[in-house]
Amino acid sequence: MNNIIIFALHNEKKILNTIYDDPSIKKINLNDLKLEPKYADNSLAENRFFIYLHENIDILNNYDYIGVCSASWNFKYKTLNQNSNVIKLEKIPELAEEFKNSFVYVPSFVKDWYNESIFNHAGIEVYIDELLKRNNFKKTGNSFYSNNFICKRSIFVNFIKWWKVEFDYFFKKYRYKYYYNSENYNNYKSHVDCSYFYERLTIAYFANKKYNIFQLDPKKMIMPDILKKNKAILAREKNIKNFNDNSKLF
C-alpha cells in the first residue's frame, strides 16, 4: 500500500504546472472532472472535487493518507520565503511516514472559526447556524481554513460521506445563491462567492470532531534527515539495552 496521495486542485493549467512532478502529488484540473452539468460551474471551486470523490471513492483505496489542496499552495502560503510558517507542498510526502492517525495536517489553523467567518462574510451566520442546528454542532473547536488538509484515509472517507449529504441539502435549497457580504475577506473573489459557505461544511465538521489539528509549520515539523538520525540513535540505544539486559556476570 502506498503511503500518501495529495490531490492538487485548480482550474488553470499554468497554476498546476508550477508544482513539481511527484508520484505522491496528483494534479487535478477541476474543469476536466466528469460531473453533472449542475455541478460543473466554477463557482463551486474545489468543492467540485469532493463531489467527484464521493462518486469515485475507490480511487483512495491504495493509500494510507489522503490530502487535498489548492495547486496555488506554495504561492498562497509563501512557502519559498525563509520565514514562511507553512511547509512547501513538495516536502509533505517525505514526512508522511511520521504522520499520526488521529491528526489532521493543515497549512492554516484557526481557533475562533465561527466569529472569523462572520467577520469575513457578513451575514453567512444564517447558513452556518442552519448547518449547526442540523448536525447538533457547536460554534467552538479548532479547525482550519480552505479545503487544504491531509489525514488518514478512514477519516477522509467518513468526512466525504458526511459532506455530500450536507452539500446535497444546501445545494438543493440554495444552489449558487447565498446572500452575504464577503468584502472584508482579503482574497475575496466574487465568482466563487457561494463556495465560501460550502467551505464552512469542512470547517464546521472538523471543529466538532476530536482530531488533532496540526499546522504544517516547518519549525514544528521534524525533517526526514533528522528523523533518520534519531531512529538510528534509538535503535543503537535499544541494542545496547538488550545486550546489557541479556548479559550475565560470572
C-alpha atoms as a PDB file:
ATOM      1  CA  MET A   1       0.000   0.000   0.000  1.00  0.00           C
ATOM      2  CA  ASN A   2       1.286   3.458  -0.901  1.00  0.00           C
ATOM      3  CA  ASN A   3       1.685   5.872   1.949  1.00  0.00           C
ATOM      4  CA  ILE A   4       0.143   9.125   0.722  1.00  0.00           C
ATOM      5  CA  ILE A   5      -1.597  10.835  -2.176  1.00  0.00           C
ATOM      6  CA  ILE A   6      -2.206  14.585  -2.307  1.00  0.00           C
ATOM      7  CA  PHE A   7      -4.638  15.936  -4.890  1.00  0.00           C
ATOM      8  CA  ALA A   8      -3.551  19.411  -6.004  1.00  0.00           C
ATOM      9  CA  LEU A   9      -6.589  21.215  -7.413  1.00  0.00           C
ATOM     10  CA  HIS A  10      -7.039  24.146  -9.750  1.00  0.00           C
ATOM     11  CA  ASN A  11      -8.859  25.194 -12.888  1.00  0.00           C
ATOM     12  CA  GLU A  12      -5.841  26.808 -14.566  1.00  0.00           C
ATOM     13  CA  LYS A  13      -3.109  24.725 -16.187  1.00  0.00           C
ATOM     14  CA  LYS A  14      -0.448  27.364 -15.594  1.00  0.00           C
ATOM     15  CA  ILE A  15      -1.019  27.104 -11.829  1.00  0.00           C
ATOM     16  CA  LEU A  16      -0.993  23.294 -11.925  1.00  0.00           C
ATOM     17  CA  ASN A  17       2.271  23.403 -13.875  1.00  0.00           C
ATOM     18  CA  THR A  18       4.014  25.296 -11.068  1.00  0.00           C
ATOM     19  CA  ILE A  19       4.015  22.100  -8.996  1.00  0.00           C
ATOM     20  CA  TYR A  20       6.960  19.762  -9.456  1.00  0.00           C
ATOM     21  CA  ASP A  21       6.115  16.290 -10.717  1.00  0.00           C
ATOM     22  CA  ASP A  22       5.888  13.888  -7.809  1.00  0.00           C
ATOM     23  CA  PRO A  23       4.239  10.432  -7.718  1.00  0.00           C
ATOM     24  CA  SER A  24       2.593  11.356  -4.400  1.00  0.00           C
ATOM     25  CA  ILE A  25       1.068  14.586  -5.737  1.00  0.00           C
ATOM     26  CA  LYS A  26      -1.650  14.243  -8.360  1.00  0.00           C
ATOM     27  CA  LYS A  27      -2.567  17.380 -10.282  1.00  0.00           C
ATOM     28  CA  ILE A  28      -6.295  17.756 -10.903  1.00  0.00           C
ATOM     29  CA  ASN A  29      -7.762  20.236 -13.365  1.00  0.00           C
ATOM     30  CA  LEU A  30     -11.207  20.932 -11.959  1.00  0.00           C
ATOM     31  CA  ASN A  31     -12.523  21.774 -15.420  1.00  0.00           C
ATOM     32  CA  ASP A  32     -11.749  18.241 -16.587  1.00  0.00           C
ATOM     33  CA  LEU A  33     -13.775  16.439 -13.932  1.00  0.00           C
ATOM     34  CA  LYS A  34     -16.696  14.376 -15.198  1.00  0.00           C
ATOM     35  CA  LEU A  35     -19.608  15.886 -13.291  1.00  0.00           C
ATOM     36  CA  GLU A  36     -23.267  16.516 -13.807  1.00  0.00           C
ATOM     37  CA  PRO A  37     -23.724  19.886 -15.572  1.00  0.00           C
ATOM     38  CA  LYS A  38     -25.299  21.449 -12.466  1.00  0.00           C
ATOM     39  CA  TYR A  39     -22.019  20.871 -10.585  1.00  0.00           C
ATOM     40  CA  ALA A  40     -19.629  21.946 -13.331  1.00  0.00           C
ATOM     41  CA  ASP A  41     -19.793  25.671 -12.608  1.00  0.00           C
ATOM     42  CA  ASN A  42     -16.502  27.099 -11.341  1.00  0.00           C
ATOM     43  CA  SER A  43     -18.469  28.925  -8.632  1.00  0.00           C
ATOM     44  CA  LEU A  44     -18.137  25.759  -6.537  1.00  0.00           C
ATOM     45  CA  ALA A  45     -14.331  25.948  -6.713  1.00  0.00           C
ATOM     46  CA  GLU A  46     -12.587  22.974  -5.024  1.00  0.00           C
ATOM     47  CA  ASN A  47     -15.913  21.646  -3.770  1.00  0.00           C
ATOM     48  CA  ARG A  48     -16.366  20.116  -7.210  1.00  0.00           C
ATOM     49  CA  PHE A  49     -13.621  17.627  -6.392  1.00  0.00           C
ATOM     50  CA  PHE A  50     -15.402  16.489  -3.229  1.00  0.00           C
ATOM     51  CA  ILE A  51     -18.473  15.750  -5.340  1.00  0.00           C
ATOM     52  CA  TYR A  52     -16.309  13.793  -7.766  1.00  0.00           C
ATOM     53  CA  LEU A  53     -14.573  11.859  -4.988  1.00  0.00           C
ATOM     54  CA  HIS A  54     -17.852  10.840  -3.411  1.00  0.00           C
ATOM     55  CA  GLU A  55     -18.776   9.107  -6.676  1.00  0.00           C
ATOM     56  CA  ASN A  56     -15.274   7.661  -7.147  1.00  0.00           C
ATOM     57  CA  ILE A  57     -14.230   6.872  -3.591  1.00  0.00           C
ATOM     58  CA  ASP A  58     -12.452   3.655  -4.621  1.00  0.00           C
ATOM     59  CA  ILE A  59      -9.546   5.643  -6.070  1.00  0.00           C
ATOM     60  CA  LEU A  60      -8.436   6.250  -2.474  1.00  0.00           C
ATOM     61  CA  ASN A  61      -8.163   2.579  -1.501  1.00  0.00           C
ATOM     62  CA  ASN A  62      -4.415   2.178  -2.095  1.00  0.00           C
ATOM     63  CA  TYR A  63      -3.305   4.979   0.211  1.00  0.00           C
ATOM     64  CA  ASP A  64      -2.832   5.395   3.944  1.00  0.00           C
ATOM     65  CA  TYR A  65      -3.139   9.175   3.925  1.00  0.00           C
ATOM     66  CA  ILE A  66      -5.234  11.410   1.684  1.00  0.00           C
ATOM     67  CA  GLY A  67      -4.678  15.104   1.053  1.00  0.00           C
ATOM     68  CA  VAL A  68      -6.471  17.791  -0.911  1.00  0.00           C
ATOM     69  CA  CYS A  69      -5.141  21.247  -1.542  1.00  0.00           C
ATOM     70  CA  SER A  70      -5.125  24.174  -3.910  1.00  0.00           C
ATOM     71  CA  ALA A  71      -2.365  23.933  -6.510  1.00  0.00           C
ATOM     72  CA  SER A  72      -1.505  27.509  -5.518  1.00  0.00           C
ATOM     73  CA  TRP A  73      -0.336  26.230  -2.096  1.00  0.00           C
ATOM     74  CA  ASN A  74       3.274  27.451  -2.413  1.00  0.00           C
ATOM     75  CA  PHE A  75       2.197  30.844  -3.719  1.00  0.00           C
ATOM     76  CA  LYS A  76      -0.696  31.279  -1.289  1.00  0.00           C
ATOM     77  CA  TYR A  77       1.345  30.414   1.800  1.00  0.00           C
ATOM     78  CA  LYS A  78       4.635  31.940   0.535  1.00  0.00           C
ATOM     79  CA  THR A  79       6.462  28.700   1.276  1.00  0.00           C
ATOM     80  CA  LEU A  80       9.589  29.781  -0.636  1.00  0.00           C
ATOM     81  CA  ASN A  81      10.202  32.562   1.879  1.00  0.00           C
ATOM     82  CA  GLN A  82      12.718  31.619   4.547  1.00  0.00           C
ATOM     83  CA  ASN A  83      10.374  32.742   7.336  1.00  0.00           C
ATOM     84  CA  SER A  84       7.251  31.052   5.973  1.00  0.00           C
ATOM     85  CA  ASN A  85       5.157  29.293   8.609  1.00  0.00           C
ATOM     86  CA  VAL A  86       3.944  26.666   6.119  1.00  0.00           C
ATOM     87  CA  ILE A  87       5.980  23.817   4.700  1.00  0.00           C
ATOM     88  CA  LYS A  88       6.489  23.577   0.934  1.00  0.00           C
ATOM     89  CA  LEU A  89       3.920  21.293  -0.716  1.00  0.00           C
ATOM     90  CA  GLU A  90       6.512  19.031  -2.341  1.00  0.00           C
ATOM     91  CA  LYS A  91       8.114  18.347   1.060  1.00  0.00           C
ATOM     92  CA  ILE A  92       4.993  16.888   2.651  1.00  0.00           C
ATOM     93  CA  PRO A  93       5.207  13.325   1.194  1.00  0.00           C
ATOM     94  CA  GLU A  94       8.661  12.976   2.776  1.00  0.00           C
ATOM     95  CA  LEU A  95       7.080  13.371   6.208  1.00  0.00           C
ATOM     96  CA  ALA A  96       4.139  11.022   5.738  1.00  0.00           C
ATOM     97  CA  GLU A  97       5.786   8.067   7.485  1.00  0.00           C
ATOM     98  CA  GLU A  98       5.762  10.081  10.699  1.00  0.00           C
ATOM     99  CA  PHE A  99       2.126  11.208  10.461  1.00  0.00           C
ATOM    100  CA  LYS A 100      -0.179  10.150  13.285  1.00  0.00           C
ATOM    101  CA  ASN A 101      -3.538   8.507  12.691  1.00  0.00           C
ATOM    102  CA  SER A 102      -5.623  10.922  14.761  1.00  0.00           C
ATOM    103  CA  PHE A 103      -4.041  14.078  13.324  1.00  0.00           C
ATOM    104  CA  VAL A 104      -5.303  16.328  10.535  1.00  0.00           C
ATOM    105  CA  TYR A 105      -2.430  18.257   8.943  1.00  0.00           C
ATOM    106  CA  VAL A 106      -3.212  21.742   7.641  1.00  0.00           C
ATOM    107  CA  PRO A 107      -1.490  24.942   6.468  1.00  0.00           C
ATOM    108  CA  SER A 108      -3.998  27.360   8.018  1.00  0.00           C
ATOM    109  CA  PHE A 109      -5.019  26.651  11.617  1.00  0.00           C
ATOM    110  CA  VAL A 110      -7.937  28.608  13.134  1.00  0.00           C
ATOM    111  CA  LYS A 111      -9.454  28.706  16.617  1.00  0.00           C
ATOM    112  CA  ASP A 112     -12.380  31.144  16.517  1.00  0.00           C
ATOM    113  CA  TRP A 113     -13.673  29.931  13.158  1.00  0.00           C
ATOM    114  CA  TYR A 114     -17.310  30.919  13.673  1.00  0.00           C
ATOM    115  CA  ASN A 115     -16.757  34.579  14.529  1.00  0.00           C
ATOM    116  CA  GLU A 116     -13.982  34.968  11.981  1.00  0.00           C
ATOM    117  CA  SER A 117     -16.317  33.550   9.335  1.00  0.00           C
ATOM    118  CA  ILE A 118     -18.946  36.146  10.222  1.00  0.00           C
ATOM    119  CA  PHE A 119     -16.388  38.951  10.106  1.00  0.00           C
ATOM    120  CA  ASN A 120     -15.065  37.852   6.713  1.00  0.00           C
ATOM    121  CA  HIS A 121     -18.506  37.089   5.269  1.00  0.00           C
ATOM    122  CA  ALA A 122     -21.089  39.285   6.980  1.00  0.00           C
ATOM    123  CA  GLY A 123     -24.446  37.523   7.043  1.00  0.00           C
ATOM    124  CA  ILE A 124     -23.095  33.991   6.500  1.00  0.00           C
ATOM    125  CA  GLU A 125     -24.175  33.057  10.046  1.00  0.00           C
ATOM    126  CA  VAL A 126     -27.709  32.457   8.776  1.00  0.00           C
ATOM    127  CA  TYR A 127     -26.489  29.475   6.773  1.00  0.00           C
ATOM    128  CA  ILE A 128     -23.859  28.321   9.269  1.00  0.00           C
ATOM    129  CA  ASP A 129     -26.452  28.297  12.071  1.00  0.00           C
ATOM    130  CA  GLU A 130     -28.692  26.145   9.900  1.00  0.00           C
ATOM    131  CA  LEU A 131     -25.797  23.730   9.383  1.00  0.00           C
ATOM    132  CA  LEU A 132     -25.015  23.637  13.114  1.00  0.00           C
ATOM    133  CA  LYS A 133     -28.642  23.004  14.041  1.00  0.00           C
ATOM    134  CA  ARG A 134     -28.954  20.175  11.511  1.00  0.00           C
ATOM    135  CA  ASN A 135     -25.925  18.397  12.980  1.00  0.00           C
ATOM    136  CA  ASN A 136     -26.100  19.468  16.632  1.00  0.00           C
ATOM    137  CA  PHE A 137     -22.692  21.097  16.121  1.00  0.00           C
ATOM    138  CA  LYS A 138     -21.053  23.730  18.345  1.00  0.00           C
ATOM    139  CA  LYS A 139     -19.658  27.089  17.257  1.00  0.00           C
ATOM    140  CA  THR A 140     -16.366  26.357  19.011  1.00  0.00           C
ATOM    141  CA  GLY A 141     -13.478  23.967  18.378  1.00  0.00           C
ATOM    142  CA  ASN A 142     -10.186  24.082  16.488  1.00  0.00           C
ATOM    143  CA  SER A 143     -10.351  23.822  12.725  1.00  0.00           C
ATOM    144  CA  PHE A 144      -8.720  25.175   9.559  1.00  0.00           C
ATOM    145  CA  TYR A 145      -9.428  27.446   6.618  1.00  0.00           C
ATOM    146  CA  SER A 146      -9.665  26.435   2.970  1.00  0.00           C
ATOM    147  CA  ASN A 147     -10.059  22.915   1.649  1.00  0.00           C
ATOM    148  CA  ASN A 148      -6.384  22.222   2.295  1.00  0.00           C
ATOM    149  CA  PHE A 149      -5.750  19.282   4.612  1.00  0.00           C
ATOM    150  CA  ILE A 150      -4.210  15.815   4.910  1.00  0.00           C
ATOM    151  CA  CYS A 151      -5.448  12.990   7.098  1.00  0.00           C
ATOM    152  CA  LYS A 152      -5.840   9.242   7.497  1.00  0.00           C
ATOM    153  CA  ARG A 153      -7.899   7.643   4.731  1.00  0.00           C
ATOM    154  CA  SER A 154     -10.615   6.445   7.128  1.00  0.00           C
ATOM    155  CA  ILE A 155     -11.037   9.992   8.454  1.00  0.00           C
ATOM    156  CA  PHE A 156     -11.212  11.376   4.934  1.00  0.00           C
ATOM    157  CA  VAL A 157     -13.749   8.822   3.695  1.00  0.00           C
ATOM    158  CA  ASN A 158     -16.061   9.409   6.678  1.00  0.00           C
ATOM    159  CA  PHE A 159     -15.835  13.134   6.088  1.00  0.00           C
ATOM    160  CA  ILE A 160     -16.654  12.871   2.362  1.00  0.00           C
ATOM    161  CA  LYS A 161     -19.728  10.742   3.081  1.00  0.00           C
ATOM    162  CA  TRP A 162     -20.988  13.286   5.618  1.00  0.00           C
ATOM    163  CA  TRP A 163     -20.046  16.249   3.427  1.00  0.00           C
ATOM    164  CA  LYS A 164     -22.025  15.008   0.428  1.00  0.00           C
ATOM    165  CA  VAL A 165     -25.217  14.638   2.484  1.00  0.00           C
ATOM    166  CA  GLU A 166     -24.923  18.197   3.784  1.00  0.00           C
ATOM    167  CA  PHE A 167     -23.868  19.595   0.427  1.00  0.00           C
ATOM    168  CA  ASP A 168     -26.875  17.985  -1.280  1.00  0.00           C
ATOM    169  CA  TYR A 169     -29.233  19.505   1.282  1.00  0.00           C
ATOM    170  CA  PHE A 170     -27.865  23.041   0.957  1.00  0.00           C
ATOM    171  CA  PHE A 171     -27.316  22.885  -2.795  1.00  0.00           C
ATOM    172  CA  LYS A 172     -30.886  21.772  -3.363  1.00  0.00           C
ATOM    173  CA  LYS A 173     -32.145  24.603  -1.176  1.00  0.00           C
ATOM    174  CA  TYR A 174     -29.820  27.459  -2.216  1.00  0.00           C
ATOM    175  CA  ARG A 175     -27.749  26.207  -5.154  1.00  0.00           C
ATOM    176  CA  TYR A 176     -25.422  29.109  -6.032  1.00  0.00           C
ATOM    177  CA  LYS A 177     -27.448  31.878  -4.381  1.00  0.00           C
ATOM    178  CA  TYR A 178     -26.171  32.793  -0.941  1.00  0.00           C
ATOM    179  CA  TYR A 179     -26.673  36.286   0.425  1.00  0.00           C
ATOM    180  CA  TYR A 180     -23.774  37.570   2.496  1.00  0.00           C
ATOM    181  CA  ASN A 181     -21.112  40.224   2.102  1.00  0.00           C
ATOM    182  CA  SER A 182     -17.549  38.925   1.644  1.00  0.00           C
ATOM    183  CA  GLU A 183     -15.810  42.246   1.069  1.00  0.00           C
ATOM    184  CA  ASN A 184     -13.931  42.008   4.394  1.00  0.00           C
ATOM    185  CA  TYR A 185     -12.214  38.861   3.144  1.00  0.00           C
ATOM    186  CA  ASN A 186      -8.732  39.721   1.834  1.00  0.00           C
ATOM    187  CA  ASN A 187      -8.784  37.220  -1.018  1.00  0.00           C
ATOM    188  CA  TYR A 188     -12.414  37.754  -1.948  1.00  0.00           C
ATOM    189  CA  LYS A 189     -13.379  36.539  -5.424  1.00  0.00           C
ATOM    190  CA  SER A 190     -16.945  37.303  -6.428  1.00  0.00           C
ATOM    191  CA  HIS A 191     -17.221  34.446  -8.932  1.00  0.00           C
ATOM    192  CA  VAL A 192     -16.752  31.826  -6.171  1.00  0.00           C
ATOM    193  CA  ASP A 193     -18.833  33.595  -3.529  1.00  0.00           C
ATOM    194  CA  CYS A 194     -21.089  30.609  -2.804  1.00  0.00           C
ATOM    195  CA  SER A 195     -18.071  28.360  -2.240  1.00  0.00           C
ATOM    196  CA  TYR A 196     -17.201  30.267   0.941  1.00  0.00           C
ATOM    197  CA  PHE A 197     -20.223  28.734   2.622  1.00  0.00           C
ATOM    198  CA  TYR A 198     -19.619  25.250   1.209  1.00  0.00           C
ATOM    199  CA  GLU A 199     -16.114  25.506   2.651  1.00  0.00           C
ATOM    200  CA  ARG A 200     -17.764  26.038   6.051  1.00  0.00           C
ATOM    201  CA  LEU A 201     -19.094  22.496   5.829  1.00  0.00           C
ATOM    202  CA  THR A 202     -15.483  21.329   6.071  1.00  0.00           C
ATOM    203  CA  ILE A 203     -14.549  23.824   8.783  1.00  0.00           C
ATOM    204  CA  ALA A 204     -17.562  23.061  10.993  1.00  0.00           C
ATOM    205  CA  TYR A 205     -17.159  19.292  10.629  1.00  0.00           C
ATOM    206  CA  PHE A 206     -13.561  19.150  11.790  1.00  0.00           C
ATOM    207  CA  ALA A 207     -14.183  21.739  14.524  1.00  0.00           C
ATOM    208  CA  ASN A 208     -16.704  19.297  16.001  1.00  0.00           C
ATOM    209  CA  LYS A 209     -14.507  16.202  15.853  1.00  0.00           C
ATOM    210  CA  LYS A 210     -11.833  15.100  18.313  1.00  0.00           C
ATOM    211  CA  TYR A 211      -8.989  15.019  15.811  1.00  0.00           C
ATOM    212  CA  ASN A 212      -5.790  16.908  16.493  1.00  0.00           C
ATOM    213  CA  ILE A 213      -5.449  19.803  14.034  1.00  0.00           C
ATOM    214  CA  PHE A 214      -1.735  20.282  13.375  1.00  0.00           C
ATOM    215  CA  GLN A 215      -0.290  23.141  11.343  1.00  0.00           C
ATOM    216  CA  LEU A 216       2.347  22.175   8.764  1.00  0.00           C
ATOM    217  CA  ASP A 217       4.834  24.695  10.080  1.00  0.00           C
ATOM    218  CA  PRO A 218       8.456  23.840   9.120  1.00  0.00           C
ATOM    219  CA  LYS A 219       9.542  24.989  12.577  1.00  0.00           C
ATOM    220  CA  LYS A 220       7.278  22.353  14.124  1.00  0.00           C
ATOM    221  CA  MET A 221       7.885  19.530  11.662  1.00  0.00           C
ATOM    222  CA  ILE A 222      10.840  17.151  12.011  1.00  0.00           C
ATOM    223  CA  MET A 223      12.614  16.831   8.679  1.00  0.00           C
ATOM    224  CA  PRO A 224      13.445  13.354   7.273  1.00  0.00           C
ATOM    225  CA  ASP A 225      17.221  13.578   7.757  1.00  0.00           C
ATOM    226  CA  ILE A 226      16.723  14.342  11.447  1.00  0.00           C
ATOM    227  CA  LEU A 227      14.189  11.529  11.721  1.00  0.00           C
ATOM    228  CA  LYS A 228      16.651   9.034  10.275  1.00  0.00           C
ATOM    229  CA  LYS A 229      19.347  10.209  12.651  1.00  0.00           C
ATOM    230  CA  ASN A 230      17.037   9.936  15.651  1.00  0.00           C
ATOM    231  CA  LYS A 231      15.887   6.473  14.575  1.00  0.00           C
ATOM    232  CA  ALA A 232      19.478   5.315  14.276  1.00  0.00           C
ATOM    233  CA  ILE A 233      20.273   6.635  17.764  1.00  0.00           C
ATOM    234  CA  LEU A 234      17.181   4.986  19.246  1.00  0.00           C
ATOM    235  CA  ALA A 235      17.996   1.690  17.541  1.00  0.00           C
ATOM    236  CA  ARG A 236      21.562   1.774  18.900  1.00  0.00           C
ATOM    237  CA  GLU A 237      20.338   2.571  22.427  1.00  0.00           C
ATOM    238  CA  LYS A 238      17.839  -0.286  22.204  1.00  0.00           C
ATOM    239  CA  ASN A 239      20.526  -2.719  21.101  1.00  0.00           C
ATOM    240  CA  ILE A 240      22.805  -1.652  23.955  1.00  0.00           C
ATOM    241  CA  LYS A 241      19.967  -2.059  26.461  1.00  0.00           C
ATOM    242  CA  ASN A 242      19.099  -5.509  25.108  1.00  0.00           C
ATOM    243  CA  PHE A 243      22.771  -6.536  25.321  1.00  0.00           C
ATOM    244  CA  ASN A 244      23.065  -5.314  28.914  1.00  0.00           C
ATOM    245  CA  ASP A 245      19.782  -6.949  29.919  1.00  0.00           C
ATOM    246  CA  ASN A 246      20.824 -10.272  28.456  1.00  0.00           C
ATOM    247  CA  SER A 247      24.369 -10.201  29.727  1.00  0.00           C
ATOM    248  CA  LYS A 248      25.253 -12.171  32.854  1.00  0.00           C
ATOM    249  CA  LEU A 249      28.100 -11.559  35.236  1.00  0.00           C
ATOM    250  CA  PHE A 250      30.074 -14.676  36.078  1.00  0.00           C
END
